[in-house]
Amino acid sequence: MMNGEAVLENVRRYRTVASLYRQTAAFRPHQRDSLLAQAAEWESRAVAELEAYFVARQAPPQAPANMNHHAQSSAPSRWHMAAA
């Protein structure tokens, strides 16, 4: 699992880059669409980083490798429940 501080630092950097693209777009009207698309991509990376961190934090702890623990196959997984 990633360190929370490292995740926040990555998010800060991604959003800084996105901000720079948006600022540049304000002064380069001919490249505006491309630059705003780049800004959106960096914002998307920031959101994905945060989501991955919080999903990993909510995941149940892994069972040790020497234990034979199997979830019941009839129980819906957390992923399927979230998708529903």
C-alpha atoms as a PDB file:
ATOM      1  CA  MET A   1       0.000   0.000   0.000  1.00  0.00           C
ATOM      2  CA  MET A   2       1.259   3.479  -0.800  1.00  0.00           C
ATOM      3  CA  ASN A   3       2.038   6.004   1.873  1.00  0.00           C
ATOM      4  CA  GLY A   4      -0.726   8.605   2.206  1.00  0.00           C
ATOM      5  CA  GLU A   5       1.786  11.463   2.095  1.00  0.00           C
ATOM      6  CA  ALA A   6       3.277  10.155  -1.153  1.00  0.00           C
ATOM      7  CA  VAL A   7      -0.187   9.909  -2.694  1.00  0.00           C
ATOM      8  CA  LEU A   8      -1.028  13.480  -1.700  1.00  0.00           C
ATOM      9  CA  GLU A   9       2.298  14.704  -3.090  1.00  0.00           C
ATOM     10  CA  ASN A  10       1.596  12.972  -6.411  1.00  0.00           C
ATOM     11  CA  VAL A  11      -1.909  14.465  -6.511  1.00  0.00           C
ATOM     12  CA  ARG A  12      -0.496  17.919  -5.780  1.00  0.00           C
ATOM     13  CA  ARG A  13       2.018  17.553  -8.609  1.00  0.00           C
ATOM     14  CA  TYR A  14      -0.574  16.274 -11.084  1.00  0.00           C
ATOM     15  CA  ARG A  15      -2.906  19.149 -10.283  1.00  0.00           C
ATOM     16  CA  THR A  16      -0.070  21.656 -10.575  1.00  0.00           C
ATOM     17  CA  VAL A  17       0.691  20.384 -14.076  1.00  0.00           C
ATOM     18  CA  ALA A  18      -3.020  20.565 -14.950  1.00  0.00           C
ATOM     19  CA  SER A  19      -3.132  24.155 -13.709  1.00  0.00           C
ATOM     20  CA  LEU A  20      -0.142  25.083 -15.849  1.00  0.00           C
ATOM     21  CA  TYR A  21      -1.849  23.633 -18.918  1.00  0.00           C
ATOM     22  CA  ARG A  22      -5.005  25.646 -18.164  1.00  0.00           C
ATOM     23  CA  GLN A  23      -2.978  28.844 -17.669  1.00  0.00           C
ATOM     24  CA  THR A  24      -1.122  28.265 -20.931  1.00  0.00           C
ATOM     25  CA  ALA A  25      -4.433  27.667 -22.720  1.00  0.00           C
ATOM     26  CA  ALA A  26      -5.557  31.154 -21.675  1.00  0.00           C
ATOM     27  CA  PHE A  27      -2.656  32.697 -23.608  1.00  0.00           C
ATOM     28  CA  ARG A  28      -2.586  30.370 -26.622  1.00  0.00           C
ATOM     29  CA  PRO A  29      -6.049  30.378 -28.182  1.00  0.00           C
ATOM     30  CA  HIS A  30      -4.971  28.306 -31.205  1.00  0.00           C
ATOM     31  CA  GLN A  31      -3.831  25.479 -28.935  1.00  0.00           C
ATOM     32  CA  ARG A  32      -6.579  25.920 -26.353  1.00  0.00           C
ATOM     33  CA  ASP A  33      -8.447  22.666 -27.010  1.00  0.00           C
ATOM     34  CA  SER A  34      -5.315  20.546 -26.953  1.00  0.00           C
ATOM     35  CA  LEU A  35      -3.992  22.206 -23.814  1.00  0.00           C
ATOM     36  CA  LEU A  36      -7.305  21.838 -21.980  1.00  0.00           C
ATOM     37  CA  ALA A  37      -7.403  18.172 -22.980  1.00  0.00           C
ATOM     38  CA  GLN A  38      -3.962  17.757 -21.428  1.00  0.00           C
ATOM     39  CA  ALA A  39      -5.160  19.514 -18.268  1.00  0.00           C
ATOM     40  CA  ALA A  40      -8.112  17.134 -18.074  1.00  0.00           C
ATOM     41  CA  GLU A  41      -5.771  14.151 -18.447  1.00  0.00           C
ATOM     42  CA  TRP A  42      -3.625  15.322 -15.522  1.00  0.00           C
ATOM     43  CA  GLU A  43      -6.723  15.933 -13.378  1.00  0.00           C
ATOM     44  CA  SER A  44      -7.887  12.429 -14.253  1.00  0.00           C
ATOM     45  CA  ARG A  45      -4.552  11.033 -13.073  1.00  0.00           C
ATOM     46  CA  ALA A  46      -4.944  12.884  -9.775  1.00  0.00           C
ATOM     47  CA  VAL A  47      -8.431  11.475  -9.221  1.00  0.00           C
ATOM     48  CA  ALA A  48      -7.303   7.956 -10.176  1.00  0.00           C
ATOM     49  CA  GLU A  49      -4.418   8.160  -7.695  1.00  0.00           C
ATOM     50  CA  LEU A  50      -6.763   9.193  -4.893  1.00  0.00           C
ATOM     51  CA  GLU A  51      -9.338   6.543  -5.773  1.00  0.00           C
ATOM     52  CA  ALA A  52      -6.722   3.795  -5.869  1.00  0.00           C
ATOM     53  CA  TYR A  53      -5.376   4.858  -2.483  1.00  0.00           C
ATOM     54  CA  PHE A  54      -8.770   4.862  -0.792  1.00  0.00           C
ATOM     55  CA  VAL A  55      -9.866   1.596  -2.411  1.00  0.00           C
ATOM     56  CA  ALA A  56      -6.649  -0.028  -1.150  1.00  0.00           C
ATOM     57  CA  ARG A  57      -7.286   1.353   2.353  1.00  0.00           C
ATOM     58  CA  GLN A  58     -10.794  -0.117   2.423  1.00  0.00           C
ATOM     59  CA  ALA A  59      -9.711  -3.551   1.180  1.00  0.00           C
ATOM     60  CA  PRO A  60      -9.741  -6.253   3.847  1.00  0.00           C
ATOM     61  CA  PRO A  61      -6.291  -7.307   5.033  1.00  0.00           C
ATOM     62  CA  GLN A  62      -4.732 -10.161   3.091  1.00  0.00           C
ATOM     63  CA  ALA A  63      -4.750 -13.539   4.799  1.00  0.00           C
ATOM     64  CA  PRO A  64      -1.339 -15.103   5.358  1.00  0.00           C
ATOM     65  CA  ALA A  65      -0.257 -17.403   2.523  1.00  0.00           C
ATOM     66  CA  ASN A  66      -0.304 -20.501   4.742  1.00  0.00           C
ATOM     67  CA  MET A  67      -4.014 -20.193   5.562  1.00  0.00           C
ATOM     68  CA  ASN A  68      -6.686 -21.854   3.420  1.00  0.00           C
ATOM     69  CA  HIS A  69      -9.325 -19.138   3.596  1.00  0.00           C
ATOM     70  CA  HIS A  70     -11.829 -19.063   0.753  1.00  0.00           C
ATOM     71  CA  ALA A  71     -14.757 -16.691   0.477  1.00  0.00           C
ATOM     72  CA  GLN A  72     -18.112 -18.266  -0.213  1.00  0.00           C
ATOM     73  CA  SER A  73     -18.737 -18.252  -3.941  1.00  0.00           C
ATOM     74  CA  SER A  74     -22.415 -17.372  -3.425  1.00  0.00           C
ATOM     75  CA  ALA A  75     -21.548 -14.077  -1.707  1.00  0.00           C
ATOM     76  CA  PRO A  76     -21.258 -11.156  -4.162  1.00  0.00           C
ATOM     77  CA  SER A  77     -17.873  -9.523  -4.203  1.00  0.00           C
ATOM     78  CA  ARG A  78     -17.414  -5.889  -3.163  1.00  0.00           C
ATOM     79  CA  TRP A  79     -16.504  -5.037  -6.776  1.00  0.00           C
ATOM     80  CA  HIS A  80     -19.743  -6.458  -8.167  1.00  0.00           C
ATOM     81  CA  MET A  81     -21.784  -4.744  -5.495  1.00  0.00           C
ATOM     82  CA  ALA A  82     -20.133  -1.394  -6.261  1.00  0.00           C
ATOM     83  CA  ALA A  83     -20.793  -1.844  -9.984  1.00  0.00           C
ATOM     84  CA  ALA A  84     -24.485  -2.540  -9.422  1.00  0.00           C
END
